[in-house]
């Protein structure tokens, strides 16, 4: 018998997650357009993904810390028997 078994579920608010994704894409496009002029296309792609991921992580942390119904939430963990 394995005593380390747990079960739980993750809730995702689709509207808030979609808004967070769209906001992250918009911020990444604006930053790349403003600061990456005259650079090679591969630097644009790397810059876009870096800014996108940083913004997405920041928004998910902010929604989990501030919102009463966050975008991604672990609802509960309980021991499986």
C-alpha atoms as a PDB file:
ATOM      1  CA  UNK A   1       0.000   0.000   0.000  1.00  0.00           C
ATOM      2  CA  UNK A   2       1.367   3.381  -1.024  1.00  0.00           C
ATOM      3  CA  UNK A   3       0.649   6.064   1.596  1.00  0.00           C
ATOM      4  CA  UNK A   4       1.647   8.906  -0.748  1.00  0.00           C
ATOM      5  CA  UNK A   5      -1.406   8.767  -3.046  1.00  0.00           C
ATOM      6  CA  UNK A   6      -3.397  11.947  -3.306  1.00  0.00           C
ATOM      7  CA  UNK A   7      -6.189  13.139  -5.515  1.00  0.00           C
ATOM      8  CA  UNK A   8      -7.420  16.579  -6.415  1.00  0.00           C
ATOM      9  CA  UNK A   9      -8.577  18.694  -9.290  1.00  0.00           C
ATOM     10  CA  UNK A  10      -7.597  21.902 -10.995  1.00  0.00           C
ATOM     11  CA  UNK A  11     -10.164  24.532 -11.890  1.00  0.00           C
ATOM     12  CA  UNK A  12      -9.578  26.773 -14.892  1.00  0.00           C
ATOM     13  CA  UNK A  13     -11.743  29.834 -15.485  1.00  0.00           C
ATOM     14  CA  UNK A  14     -11.816  29.837 -19.282  1.00  0.00           C
ATOM     15  CA  UNK A  15     -12.830  33.499 -19.612  1.00  0.00           C
ATOM     16  CA  UNK A  16     -10.132  34.783 -17.278  1.00  0.00           C
ATOM     17  CA  UNK A  17      -7.511  32.444 -18.744  1.00  0.00           C
ATOM     18  CA  UNK A  18      -8.401  33.611 -22.269  1.00  0.00           C
ATOM     19  CA  UNK A  19      -8.248  37.258 -21.224  1.00  0.00           C
ATOM     20  CA  UNK A  20      -4.866  36.608 -19.589  1.00  0.00           C
ATOM     21  CA  UNK A  21      -3.548  34.955 -22.759  1.00  0.00           C
ATOM     22  CA  UNK A  22      -4.815  37.774 -25.002  1.00  0.00           C
ATOM     23  CA  UNK A  23      -3.350  40.408 -22.672  1.00  0.00           C
ATOM     24  CA  UNK A  24       0.010  38.611 -22.629  1.00  0.00           C
ATOM     25  CA  UNK A  25       0.083  38.378 -26.434  1.00  0.00           C
ATOM     26  CA  UNK A  26      -0.793  42.075 -26.758  1.00  0.00           C
ATOM     27  CA  UNK A  27       1.909  43.171 -24.311  1.00  0.00           C
ATOM     28  CA  UNK A  28       4.482  40.951 -26.049  1.00  0.00           C
ATOM     29  CA  UNK A  29       3.602  42.366 -29.481  1.00  0.00           C
ATOM     30  CA  UNK A  30       3.841  45.955 -28.209  1.00  0.00           C
ATOM     31  CA  UNK A  31       7.204  45.367 -26.503  1.00  0.00           C
ATOM     32  CA  UNK A  32       8.678  43.606 -29.542  1.00  0.00           C
ATOM     33  CA  UNK A  33       7.383  46.316 -31.895  1.00  0.00           C
ATOM     34  CA  UNK A  34       8.740  49.108 -29.696  1.00  0.00           C
ATOM     35  CA  UNK A  35      12.147  47.763 -28.675  1.00  0.00           C
ATOM     36  CA  UNK A  36      13.231  45.245 -31.328  1.00  0.00           C
ATOM     37  CA  UNK A  37      13.385  47.431 -34.457  1.00  0.00           C
ATOM     38  CA  UNK A  38      16.147  46.609 -36.865  1.00  0.00           C
ATOM     39  CA  UNK A  39      16.978  43.235 -35.337  1.00  0.00           C
ATOM     40  CA  UNK A  40      16.916  39.801 -36.962  1.00  0.00           C
ATOM     41  CA  UNK A  41      13.668  37.819 -37.127  1.00  0.00           C
ATOM     42  CA  UNK A  42      14.911  35.142 -34.715  1.00  0.00           C
ATOM     43  CA  UNK A  43      15.519  37.808 -32.057  1.00  0.00           C
ATOM     44  CA  UNK A  44      11.939  38.976 -32.573  1.00  0.00           C
ATOM     45  CA  UNK A  45      10.637  35.461 -31.959  1.00  0.00           C
ATOM     46  CA  UNK A  46      12.787  34.887 -28.877  1.00  0.00           C
ATOM     47  CA  UNK A  47      11.858  38.315 -27.514  1.00  0.00           C
ATOM     48  CA  UNK A  48       8.167  37.684 -28.131  1.00  0.00           C
ATOM     49  CA  UNK A  49       8.179  34.351 -26.308  1.00  0.00           C
ATOM     50  CA  UNK A  50      10.246  35.722 -23.423  1.00  0.00           C
ATOM     51  CA  UNK A  51       7.955  38.708 -22.871  1.00  0.00           C
ATOM     52  CA  UNK A  52       4.850  36.560 -23.422  1.00  0.00           C
ATOM     53  CA  UNK A  53       5.878  33.968 -20.835  1.00  0.00           C
ATOM     54  CA  UNK A  54       6.939  36.578 -18.288  1.00  0.00           C
ATOM     55  CA  UNK A  55       3.668  38.464 -18.695  1.00  0.00           C
ATOM     56  CA  UNK A  56       1.618  35.260 -18.584  1.00  0.00           C
ATOM     57  CA  UNK A  57       3.317  34.073 -15.385  1.00  0.00           C
ATOM     58  CA  UNK A  58       2.934  37.510 -13.791  1.00  0.00           C
ATOM     59  CA  UNK A  59      -0.758  37.663 -14.702  1.00  0.00           C
ATOM     60  CA  UNK A  60      -1.436  34.165 -13.360  1.00  0.00           C
ATOM     61  CA  UNK A  61       0.349  35.008 -10.110  1.00  0.00           C
ATOM     62  CA  UNK A  62      -1.575  38.280  -9.826  1.00  0.00           C
ATOM     63  CA  UNK A  63      -4.935  36.642 -10.515  1.00  0.00           C
ATOM     64  CA  UNK A  64      -4.201  33.932  -7.970  1.00  0.00           C
ATOM     65  CA  UNK A  65      -3.041  36.455  -5.354  1.00  0.00           C
ATOM     66  CA  UNK A  66      -5.674  39.151  -5.893  1.00  0.00           C
ATOM     67  CA  UNK A  67      -8.778  37.640  -7.496  1.00  0.00           C
ATOM     68  CA  UNK A  68     -11.414  35.867  -5.460  1.00  0.00           C
ATOM     69  CA  UNK A  69     -11.857  33.431  -8.384  1.00  0.00           C
ATOM     70  CA  UNK A  70      -8.402  32.974  -9.969  1.00  0.00           C
ATOM     71  CA  UNK A  71      -7.684  31.790 -13.517  1.00  0.00           C
ATOM     72  CA  UNK A  72      -6.054  28.532 -12.382  1.00  0.00           C
ATOM     73  CA  UNK A  73      -6.791  27.095  -8.962  1.00  0.00           C
ATOM     74  CA  UNK A  74      -6.129  23.793  -7.217  1.00  0.00           C
ATOM     75  CA  UNK A  75      -9.452  23.162  -5.529  1.00  0.00           C
ATOM     76  CA  UNK A  76      -8.621  20.518  -2.970  1.00  0.00           C
ATOM     77  CA  UNK A  77      -6.358  17.638  -2.163  1.00  0.00           C
ATOM     78  CA  UNK A  78      -7.535  14.657  -0.190  1.00  0.00           C
ATOM     79  CA  UNK A  79      -6.118  11.273   0.601  1.00  0.00           C
ATOM     80  CA  UNK A  80      -7.257   8.462  -1.664  1.00  0.00           C
ATOM     81  CA  UNK A  81      -8.109   5.279   0.168  1.00  0.00           C
END
